[in-house]
N, C-alpha and C. Protein backbone atom coordinates (compact mmCIF):
# COMPACT_ATOMS: atom_id res chain seq x y z
N UNK A 1 78.68 227.96 38.58
CA UNK A 1 79.81 226.86 39.37
C UNK A 1 80.11 225.86 38.26
N UNK A 2 79.56 225.85 36.97
CA UNK A 2 80.04 224.85 36.25
C UNK A 2 81.61 225.00 35.75
N UNK A 3 82.14 223.78 35.45
CA UNK A 3 83.49 223.84 34.85
C UNK A 3 84.57 224.16 36.04
N UNK A 4 84.38 224.11 37.33
CA UNK A 4 85.38 224.14 38.14
C UNK A 4 85.36 223.40 39.30
N UNK A 5 86.29 222.32 38.68
CA UNK A 5 86.46 221.35 39.69
C UNK A 5 86.96 221.66 41.14
N UNK A 6 87.27 222.59 41.61
CA UNK A 6 87.89 223.19 42.65
C UNK A 6 86.47 223.40 43.83
N UNK A 7 85.07 223.62 42.82
CA UNK A 7 83.93 223.92 43.57
C UNK A 7 82.70 222.73 43.39
N UNK A 8 82.87 222.22 42.67
CA UNK A 8 82.01 220.87 42.26
C UNK A 8 82.78 219.82 41.58
N UNK A 9 82.49 218.35 42.11
CA UNK A 9 82.92 217.52 41.52
C UNK A 9 82.22 217.03 40.54
N UNK A 10 80.95 217.63 40.51
CA UNK A 10 80.28 217.49 38.97
C UNK A 10 80.44 218.37 37.86
N UNK A 11 81.71 219.16 38.00
CA UNK A 11 81.93 219.98 37.08
C UNK A 11 81.82 219.70 35.35
N UNK A 12 82.26 218.45 35.24
CA UNK A 12 82.00 218.05 33.96
C UNK A 12 80.36 218.18 33.30
N UNK A 13 79.51 217.44 34.36
CA UNK A 13 78.23 217.36 34.00
C UNK A 13 77.61 218.69 33.97
N UNK A 14 78.18 219.60 34.82
CA UNK A 14 77.55 220.93 35.06
C UNK A 14 77.80 221.83 33.91
N UNK A 15 79.24 221.65 33.13
CA UNK A 15 79.72 222.34 32.06
C UNK A 15 79.03 221.65 30.63
N UNK A 16 78.75 220.55 30.66
CA UNK A 16 78.11 219.70 29.54
C UNK A 16 76.66 220.43 29.26
N UNK A 17 76.06 220.47 30.53
CA UNK A 17 74.51 221.09 30.64
C UNK A 17 74.49 222.46 29.86
N UNK A 18 75.26 223.13 30.44
CA UNK A 18 75.61 224.92 30.25
C UNK A 18 75.98 224.79 28.66
N UNK A 19 76.62 224.18 28.08
CA UNK A 19 77.02 224.15 26.61
C UNK A 19 75.88 223.60 26.20
N UNK A 20 74.85 222.69 26.31
CA UNK A 20 73.74 222.07 25.68
C UNK A 20 72.61 223.54 25.65
N UNK A 21 72.40 224.26 26.69
CA UNK A 21 71.71 225.23 26.93
C UNK A 21 72.29 226.48 25.89
N UNK A 22 73.69 226.66 25.57
CA UNK A 22 74.06 227.82 24.79
C UNK A 22 73.87 227.37 23.44
N UNK A 23 73.97 226.12 23.13
CA UNK A 23 73.69 225.62 21.91
C UNK A 23 72.30 225.90 21.57
N UNK A 24 71.31 225.53 22.37
CA UNK A 24 70.30 225.64 21.72
C UNK A 24 69.60 227.27 21.70
N UNK A 25 70.45 228.23 22.44
CA UNK A 25 70.02 229.63 22.32
C UNK A 25 70.58 229.96 20.93
N UNK A 26 72.00 229.31 20.52
CA UNK A 26 72.43 229.68 19.50
C UNK A 26 71.43 229.26 18.43
N UNK A 27 70.91 228.09 18.31
CA UNK A 27 70.28 227.92 17.06
C UNK A 27 68.78 228.94 17.06
N UNK A 28 68.39 229.05 18.43
CA UNK A 28 67.25 230.22 18.11
C UNK A 28 67.75 231.53 17.97
N UNK A 29 68.75 231.65 17.65
CA UNK A 29 69.23 233.05 16.79
C UNK A 29 69.64 232.62 15.56
N UNK A 30 69.48 231.43 15.10
CA UNK A 30 69.92 231.28 13.85
C UNK A 30 71.25 231.03 13.56
N UNK A 31 71.89 230.71 14.64
CA UNK A 31 73.43 230.40 14.62
C UNK A 31 73.50 228.89 14.62
N UNK A 32 74.79 228.45 14.02
CA UNK A 32 75.03 226.84 14.00
C UNK A 32 76.20 226.44 15.25
N UNK A 33 76.68 225.19 15.48
CA UNK A 33 77.26 224.90 16.19
C UNK A 33 77.80 223.47 15.94
N UNK A 34 78.75 223.16 16.78
CA UNK A 34 79.02 221.60 16.71
C UNK A 34 80.11 221.70 18.24
N UNK A 35 80.14 220.40 18.51
CA UNK A 35 80.63 219.87 19.65
C UNK A 35 81.97 218.89 19.05
N UNK A 36 83.26 219.31 19.98
CA UNK A 36 84.20 218.57 19.82
C UNK A 36 85.01 218.07 20.74
N UNK A 37 86.21 217.21 20.87
CA UNK A 37 86.64 216.41 21.76
C UNK A 37 88.12 216.64 22.00
N UNK A 38 88.69 217.07 23.19
CA UNK A 38 89.81 217.11 23.32
C UNK A 38 90.73 216.07 24.53
N UNK A 39 91.37 215.16 24.29
CA UNK A 39 91.82 214.24 24.91
C UNK A 39 92.95 214.64 25.78
N UNK A 40 93.25 214.31 27.33
CA UNK A 40 93.94 214.63 27.88
C UNK A 40 95.26 213.51 27.61
N UNK A 41 96.58 213.70 27.44
CA UNK A 41 97.61 212.77 27.32
C UNK A 41 97.70 212.08 28.19
N UNK A 42 97.16 212.42 29.46
CA UNK A 42 97.38 211.57 30.58
C UNK A 42 96.29 210.38 30.87
N UNK A 43 95.35 210.49 29.99
CA UNK A 43 94.24 209.64 29.95
C UNK A 43 94.77 208.34 29.14
N UNK A 44 94.04 207.36 29.50
CA UNK A 44 94.17 206.39 28.78
C UNK A 44 93.72 206.19 27.51
N UNK A 45 92.39 207.09 27.18
CA UNK A 45 91.98 207.12 25.42
C UNK A 45 92.93 207.82 24.90
N UNK A 46 93.64 208.29 25.54
CA UNK A 46 94.74 209.50 24.75
C UNK A 46 95.88 208.84 24.36
N UNK A 47 96.16 207.78 25.12
CA UNK A 47 97.34 206.90 24.85
C UNK A 47 97.24 205.94 23.73
N UNK A 48 98.17 206.05 22.55
CA UNK A 48 98.21 205.32 21.62
C UNK A 48 99.57 204.22 21.55
N UNK A 49 98.97 203.11 21.35
CA UNK A 49 100.22 202.11 21.33
C UNK A 49 100.39 201.62 20.13
N UNK A 50 101.87 201.17 19.72
CA UNK A 50 102.44 200.82 18.44
C UNK A 50 101.88 199.37 18.14
């Protein structure tokens, strides 16, 4: 159910936990990874003031 706001109000937490487990599994296989952030333009954090 992770990552589906129509099903769970905790979708962001669910998706974050799932991605952490995917990262751990990748590390176990000898692979690397990194997190990135994308901000929505509608969010206050994504608005830059001159």
